[in-house]
């Protein structure tokens, strides 16, 4: 797994998350939200790059 980024250990991030409001939603233009958005963009890019390379798993239900 490639390195995606560093997430700061800030009390505000934990408190907001515990309250049900992620920092990306409460402060979308803040520096901490930027970090999370950059990581999400890297994950999305990796998933898009692997699309079509592997077939989806086959789900079989037997009774």
C-alpha atoms as a PDB file:
ATOM      1  CA  UNK A   1       0.000   0.000   0.000  1.00  0.00           C
ATOM      2  CA  UNK A   2       1.498   3.338  -0.951  1.00  0.00           C
ATOM      3  CA  UNK A   3       1.787   6.112   1.605  1.00  0.00           C
ATOM      4  CA  UNK A   4      -1.360   8.256   1.397  1.00  0.00           C
ATOM      5  CA  UNK A   5      -0.509  11.120   3.742  1.00  0.00           C
ATOM      6  CA  UNK A   6      -0.179  12.223   7.344  1.00  0.00           C
ATOM      7  CA  UNK A   7      -3.210  13.010   9.472  1.00  0.00           C
ATOM      8  CA  UNK A   8      -2.497  15.409  12.331  1.00  0.00           C
ATOM      9  CA  UNK A   9      -3.364  14.236  15.836  1.00  0.00           C
ATOM     10  CA  UNK A  10      -5.437  17.215  16.890  1.00  0.00           C
ATOM     11  CA  UNK A  11      -8.033  17.164  19.627  1.00  0.00           C
ATOM     12  CA  UNK A  12     -10.443  19.229  17.540  1.00  0.00           C
ATOM     13  CA  UNK A  13     -10.554  16.553  14.814  1.00  0.00           C
ATOM     14  CA  UNK A  14     -11.406  13.844  17.359  1.00  0.00           C
ATOM     15  CA  UNK A  15     -14.001  15.956  19.142  1.00  0.00           C
ATOM     16  CA  UNK A  16     -15.768  16.902  15.929  1.00  0.00           C
ATOM     17  CA  UNK A  17     -15.730  13.299  14.701  1.00  0.00           C
ATOM     18  CA  UNK A  18     -17.060  12.010  18.029  1.00  0.00           C
ATOM     19  CA  UNK A  19     -19.869  14.559  17.787  1.00  0.00           C
ATOM     20  CA  UNK A  20     -20.792  13.208  14.345  1.00  0.00           C
ATOM     21  CA  UNK A  21     -19.416  16.120  12.331  1.00  0.00           C
ATOM     22  CA  UNK A  22     -16.218  15.308  10.452  1.00  0.00           C
ATOM     23  CA  UNK A  23     -13.726  18.137  10.141  1.00  0.00           C
ATOM     24  CA  UNK A  24     -14.212  18.093   6.364  1.00  0.00           C
ATOM     25  CA  UNK A  25     -17.894  18.968   6.895  1.00  0.00           C
ATOM     26  CA  UNK A  26     -17.437  21.463   9.725  1.00  0.00           C
ATOM     27  CA  UNK A  27     -14.444  23.321   8.259  1.00  0.00           C
ATOM     28  CA  UNK A  28     -14.306  22.347   4.567  1.00  0.00           C
ATOM     29  CA  UNK A  29     -11.768  25.053   3.703  1.00  0.00           C
ATOM     30  CA  UNK A  30      -9.485  24.421   6.685  1.00  0.00           C
ATOM     31  CA  UNK A  31      -5.981  23.001   6.556  1.00  0.00           C
ATOM     32  CA  UNK A  32      -7.012  19.733   8.234  1.00  0.00           C
ATOM     33  CA  UNK A  33      -9.859  19.198   5.769  1.00  0.00           C
ATOM     34  CA  UNK A  34      -7.383  19.753   2.948  1.00  0.00           C
ATOM     35  CA  UNK A  35      -5.263  16.862   4.229  1.00  0.00           C
ATOM     36  CA  UNK A  36      -8.241  14.493   4.304  1.00  0.00           C
ATOM     37  CA  UNK A  37      -9.336  15.608   0.825  1.00  0.00           C
ATOM     38  CA  UNK A  38      -5.854  14.998  -0.573  1.00  0.00           C
ATOM     39  CA  UNK A  39      -5.814  11.478   0.896  1.00  0.00           C
ATOM     40  CA  UNK A  40      -9.292  10.783  -0.498  1.00  0.00           C
ATOM     41  CA  UNK A  41      -8.162  11.991  -3.932  1.00  0.00           C
ATOM     42  CA  UNK A  42      -5.193   9.602  -3.833  1.00  0.00           C
ATOM     43  CA  UNK A  43      -7.443   6.674  -2.907  1.00  0.00           C
ATOM     44  CA  UNK A  44      -9.898   7.568  -5.662  1.00  0.00           C
ATOM     45  CA  UNK A  45      -7.096   7.861  -8.192  1.00  0.00           C
ATOM     46  CA  UNK A  46      -5.740   4.458  -7.212  1.00  0.00           C
ATOM     47  CA  UNK A  47      -9.187   2.886  -7.511  1.00  0.00           C
ATOM     48  CA  UNK A  48      -9.811   4.479 -10.890  1.00  0.00           C
ATOM     49  CA  UNK A  49      -6.423   3.295 -12.090  1.00  0.00           C
ATOM     50  CA  UNK A  50      -7.226  -0.289 -11.161  1.00  0.00           C
ATOM     51  CA  UNK A  51     -10.695  -0.317 -12.749  1.00  0.00           C
ATOM     52  CA  UNK A  52     -11.076  -3.088 -15.273  1.00  0.00           C
ATOM     53  CA  UNK A  53      -7.912  -4.890 -14.225  1.00  0.00           C
ATOM     54  CA  UNK A  54      -9.681  -7.382 -12.029  1.00  0.00           C
ATOM     55  CA  UNK A  55     -13.097  -8.916 -12.387  1.00  0.00           C
ATOM     56  CA  UNK A  56     -15.606  -8.365  -9.628  1.00  0.00           C
ATOM     57  CA  UNK A  57     -16.096 -11.326  -7.292  1.00  0.00           C
ATOM     58  CA  UNK A  58     -18.902 -13.732  -8.092  1.00  0.00           C
ATOM     59  CA  UNK A  59     -21.483 -14.005  -5.331  1.00  0.00           C
ATOM     60  CA  UNK A  60     -23.107 -17.416  -5.043  1.00  0.00           C
ATOM     61  CA  UNK A  61     -25.995 -18.122  -2.680  1.00  0.00           C
ATOM     62  CA  UNK A  62     -26.742 -21.756  -2.066  1.00  0.00           C
ATOM     63  CA  UNK A  63     -29.606 -23.051   0.014  1.00  0.00           C
END
